[in-house]
Amino acid sequence: MRFHTRKWVKPEDLNANGTLFGGQLLAWIDEEAALYTIIQLENSRIVTKYMSEINFMASAKQGDIIEIGIEVTKFGKSSMTLKCEARNKMTRETILTIDNLIMVNLGEDGKPKPHGKTEVEFVKDRLRND
């Protein structure tokens, strides 16, 4: 799994217990999944269709650094299924895992549109070698 994003836990990210609010972490993950999918499918019209069970395993406190990892597990006709892990860089603990996060490619009409992709592409591979 590749970890693409780091987030710093700030006071506004905390819950009443003084630890990272789960909803804030899920918002970060949803945004990271959308950005990753937009880059992979080369289309900014992407929506989150489904998130499987979210397994919270640990927490984080103010000042901790969170890493978010994404891995593609399947390409559908108009979708991409991801696996996600968030971990605490400071304690080295896994905070949560999501086994299935389905992102859907949309056309201009707002309906699912086939994307034609079958494997992960890296931006460097899209650039021409002149």
C-alpha atoms as a PDB file:
ATOM      1  CA  MET A   1       0.000   0.000   0.000  1.00  0.00           C
ATOM      2  CA  ARG A   2       1.265   3.433  -0.907  1.00  0.00           C
ATOM      3  CA  PHE A   3       0.828   6.235   1.614  1.00  0.00           C
ATOM      4  CA  HIS A   4       0.219   9.446  -0.324  1.00  0.00           C
ATOM      5  CA  THR A   5      -1.001  11.958   2.235  1.00  0.00           C
ATOM      6  CA  ARG A   6      -0.096  13.159   5.690  1.00  0.00           C
ATOM      7  CA  LYS A   7      -2.334  15.187   7.970  1.00  0.00           C
ATOM      8  CA  TRP A   8      -1.374  16.972  11.143  1.00  0.00           C
ATOM      9  CA  VAL A   9      -3.919  16.619  13.966  1.00  0.00           C
ATOM     10  CA  LYS A  10      -4.842  20.139  15.091  1.00  0.00           C
ATOM     11  CA  PRO A  11      -7.144  21.345  17.907  1.00  0.00           C
ATOM     12  CA  GLU A  12     -10.115  21.711  15.525  1.00  0.00           C
ATOM     13  CA  ASP A  13      -9.782  17.995  14.591  1.00  0.00           C
ATOM     14  CA  LEU A  14     -10.423  16.746  18.139  1.00  0.00           C
ATOM     15  CA  ASN A  15     -13.561  15.290  19.714  1.00  0.00           C
ATOM     16  CA  ALA A  16     -14.841  15.837  23.272  1.00  0.00           C
ATOM     17  CA  ASN A  17     -12.346  13.213  24.526  1.00  0.00           C
ATOM     18  CA  GLY A  18      -9.409  15.206  23.180  1.00  0.00           C
ATOM     19  CA  THR A  19      -8.612  12.645  20.494  1.00  0.00           C
ATOM     20  CA  LEU A  20      -8.989  12.724  16.722  1.00  0.00           C
ATOM     21  CA  PHE A  21     -12.667  12.920  15.704  1.00  0.00           C
ATOM     22  CA  GLY A  22     -13.490   9.894  13.538  1.00  0.00           C
ATOM     23  CA  GLY A  23     -15.639  11.984  11.225  1.00  0.00           C
ATOM     24  CA  GLN A  24     -12.675  14.256  10.462  1.00  0.00           C
ATOM     25  CA  LEU A  25     -10.509  11.264   9.597  1.00  0.00           C
ATOM     26  CA  LEU A  26     -13.239   9.876   7.321  1.00  0.00           C
ATOM     27  CA  ALA A  27     -13.494  13.257   5.556  1.00  0.00           C
ATOM     28  CA  TRP A  28      -9.727  13.197   4.955  1.00  0.00           C
ATOM     29  CA  ILE A  29      -9.968   9.649   3.604  1.00  0.00           C
ATOM     30  CA  ASP A  30     -12.915  10.480   1.333  1.00  0.00           C
ATOM     31  CA  GLU A  31     -11.033  13.450  -0.087  1.00  0.00           C
ATOM     32  CA  GLU A  32      -7.845  11.407  -0.607  1.00  0.00           C
ATOM     33  CA  ALA A  33      -9.820   8.607  -2.308  1.00  0.00           C
ATOM     34  CA  ALA A  34     -11.481  11.141  -4.613  1.00  0.00           C
ATOM     35  CA  LEU A  35      -8.184  12.810  -5.526  1.00  0.00           C
ATOM     36  CA  TYR A  36      -6.514   9.460  -6.141  1.00  0.00           C
ATOM     37  CA  THR A  37      -9.404   8.309  -8.351  1.00  0.00           C
ATOM     38  CA  ILE A  38      -9.515  11.595 -10.280  1.00  0.00           C
ATOM     39  CA  ILE A  39      -5.823  11.216 -11.119  1.00  0.00           C
ATOM     40  CA  GLN A  40      -6.148   7.517 -12.029  1.00  0.00           C
ATOM     41  CA  LEU A  41      -9.260   7.897 -14.189  1.00  0.00           C
ATOM     42  CA  GLU A  42      -8.311  11.342 -15.537  1.00  0.00           C
ATOM     43  CA  ASN A  43     -11.778  12.717 -14.810  1.00  0.00           C
ATOM     44  CA  SER A  44     -12.779  15.239 -12.142  1.00  0.00           C
ATOM     45  CA  ARG A  45     -16.363  13.916 -12.037  1.00  0.00           C
ATOM     46  CA  ILE A  46     -15.978  11.268  -9.344  1.00  0.00           C
ATOM     47  CA  VAL A  47     -18.299  10.270  -6.491  1.00  0.00           C
ATOM     48  CA  THR A  48     -18.027   7.947  -3.518  1.00  0.00           C
ATOM     49  CA  LYS A  49     -20.548   5.141  -3.917  1.00  0.00           C
ATOM     50  CA  TYR A  50     -19.770   2.830  -1.023  1.00  0.00           C
ATOM     51  CA  MET A  51     -17.600   2.407   2.062  1.00  0.00           C
ATOM     52  CA  SER A  52     -17.507  -1.010   3.709  1.00  0.00           C
ATOM     53  CA  GLU A  53     -17.165  -1.569   7.421  1.00  0.00           C
ATOM     54  CA  ILE A  54     -14.778   0.891   9.008  1.00  0.00           C
ATOM     55  CA  ASN A  55     -12.559  -0.753  11.587  1.00  0.00           C
ATOM     56  CA  PHE A  56     -11.247   1.768  14.142  1.00  0.00           C
ATOM     57  CA  MET A  57      -8.259   0.229  15.915  1.00  0.00           C
ATOM     58  CA  ALA A  58      -6.486   3.144  17.608  1.00  0.00           C
ATOM     59  CA  SER A  59      -6.707   6.894  17.980  1.00  0.00           C
ATOM     60  CA  ALA A  60      -4.537   9.963  17.667  1.00  0.00           C
ATOM     61  CA  LYS A  61      -4.034  13.098  19.693  1.00  0.00           C
ATOM     62  CA  GLN A  62      -3.223  16.714  18.932  1.00  0.00           C
ATOM     63  CA  GLY A  63       0.182  17.029  17.274  1.00  0.00           C
ATOM     64  CA  ASP A  64       0.209  13.505  15.840  1.00  0.00           C
ATOM     65  CA  ILE A  65       0.801  13.012  12.124  1.00  0.00           C
ATOM     66  CA  ILE A  66      -1.603  10.742  10.272  1.00  0.00           C
ATOM     67  CA  GLU A  67      -0.698   8.945   7.041  1.00  0.00           C
ATOM     68  CA  ILE A  68      -3.399   7.802   4.627  1.00  0.00           C
ATOM     69  CA  GLY A  69      -2.688   4.874   2.342  1.00  0.00           C
ATOM     70  CA  ILE A  70      -4.688   3.847  -0.724  1.00  0.00           C
ATOM     71  CA  GLU A  71      -4.473   0.707  -2.831  1.00  0.00           C
ATOM     72  CA  VAL A  72      -6.561  -0.229  -5.870  1.00  0.00           C
ATOM     73  CA  THR A  73      -8.087  -3.681  -5.507  1.00  0.00           C
ATOM     74  CA  LYS A  74     -10.361  -3.743  -8.565  1.00  0.00           C
ATOM     75  CA  PHE A  75     -11.295  -1.838 -11.701  1.00  0.00           C
ATOM     76  CA  GLY A  76     -14.972  -2.045 -12.639  1.00  0.00           C
ATOM     77  CA  LYS A  77     -16.596  -0.800 -15.834  1.00  0.00           C
ATOM     78  CA  SER A  78     -17.308   2.662 -14.413  1.00  0.00           C
ATOM     79  CA  SER A  79     -15.858   2.246 -10.928  1.00  0.00           C
ATOM     80  CA  MET A  80     -12.672   1.661  -9.013  1.00  0.00           C
ATOM     81  CA  THR A  81     -12.507  -0.214  -5.703  1.00  0.00           C
ATOM     82  CA  LEU A  82      -9.923   0.907  -3.167  1.00  0.00           C
ATOM     83  CA  LYS A  83      -8.564  -0.381   0.108  1.00  0.00           C
ATOM     84  CA  CYS A  84      -7.510   2.180   2.717  1.00  0.00           C
ATOM     85  CA  GLU A  85      -5.435   2.342   5.853  1.00  0.00           C
ATOM     86  CA  ALA A  86      -4.790   5.320   8.115  1.00  0.00           C
ATOM     87  CA  ARG A  87      -1.899   5.095  10.520  1.00  0.00           C
ATOM     88  CA  ASN A  88      -0.370   7.253  13.215  1.00  0.00           C
ATOM     89  CA  LYS A  89       3.159   8.150  12.134  1.00  0.00           C
ATOM     90  CA  MET A  90       4.109   9.019  15.720  1.00  0.00           C
ATOM     91  CA  THR A  91       2.947   5.818  17.466  1.00  0.00           C
ATOM     92  CA  ARG A  92       3.250   3.559  14.380  1.00  0.00           C
ATOM     93  CA  GLU A  93      -0.247   2.201  15.094  1.00  0.00           C
ATOM     94  CA  THR A  94      -2.926   1.557  12.487  1.00  0.00           C
ATOM     95  CA  ILE A  95      -5.841   3.860  13.288  1.00  0.00           C
ATOM     96  CA  LEU A  96      -8.369   2.382  10.886  1.00  0.00           C
ATOM     97  CA  THR A  97      -8.813   0.171   7.866  1.00  0.00           C
ATOM     98  CA  ILE A  98     -11.475   0.165   5.150  1.00  0.00           C
ATOM     99  CA  ASP A  99     -11.484  -2.928   2.944  1.00  0.00           C
ATOM    100  CA  ASN A 100     -13.778  -1.644   0.172  1.00  0.00           C
ATOM    101  CA  LEU A 101     -14.229   1.942  -0.889  1.00  0.00           C
ATOM    102  CA  ILE A 102     -15.961   2.216  -4.262  1.00  0.00           C
ATOM    103  CA  MET A 103     -15.502   5.337  -6.358  1.00  0.00           C
ATOM    104  CA  VAL A 104     -17.596   5.895  -9.513  1.00  0.00           C
ATOM    105  CA  ASN A 105     -16.602   7.725 -12.701  1.00  0.00           C
ATOM    106  CA  LEU A 106     -19.341  10.055 -13.997  1.00  0.00           C
ATOM    107  CA  GLY A 107     -20.068  11.569 -17.385  1.00  0.00           C
ATOM    108  CA  GLU A 108     -21.200  15.134 -18.014  1.00  0.00           C
ATOM    109  CA  ASP A 109     -24.798  14.010 -17.463  1.00  0.00           C
ATOM    110  CA  GLY A 110     -23.947  12.937 -13.894  1.00  0.00           C
ATOM    111  CA  LYS A 111     -24.481   9.235 -14.656  1.00  0.00           C
ATOM    112  CA  PRO A 112     -21.885   6.445 -14.380  1.00  0.00           C
ATOM    113  CA  LYS A 113     -19.588   6.412 -17.397  1.00  0.00           C
ATOM    114  CA  PRO A 114     -17.151   3.649 -18.436  1.00  0.00           C
ATOM    115  CA  HIS A 115     -13.551   4.718 -17.882  1.00  0.00           C
ATOM    116  CA  GLY A 116     -11.675   2.065 -19.883  1.00  0.00           C
ATOM    117  CA  LYS A 117      -8.897   1.627 -17.292  1.00  0.00           C
ATOM    118  CA  THR A 118      -7.657  -1.791 -16.197  1.00  0.00           C
ATOM    119  CA  GLU A 119      -4.552  -1.070 -14.159  1.00  0.00           C
ATOM    120  CA  VAL A 120      -2.948   1.585 -11.981  1.00  0.00           C
ATOM    121  CA  GLU A 121      -1.004   4.195 -13.942  1.00  0.00           C
ATOM    122  CA  PHE A 122       1.639   6.458 -12.509  1.00  0.00           C
ATOM    123  CA  VAL A 123       1.855  10.056 -13.695  1.00  0.00           C
ATOM    124  CA  LYS A 124       5.513   9.607 -14.662  1.00  0.00           C
ATOM    125  CA  ASP A 125       4.461   6.853 -17.081  1.00  0.00           C
ATOM    126  CA  ARG A 126       1.997   9.205 -18.793  1.00  0.00           C
ATOM    127  CA  LEU A 127       4.716  11.716 -19.610  1.00  0.00           C
ATOM    128  CA  ARG A 128       6.476  11.309 -22.923  1.00  0.00           C
ATOM    129  CA  ASN A 129      10.179  10.533 -22.885  1.00  0.00           C
ATOM    130  CA  ASP A 130      11.568  12.831 -25.582  1.00  0.00           C
END
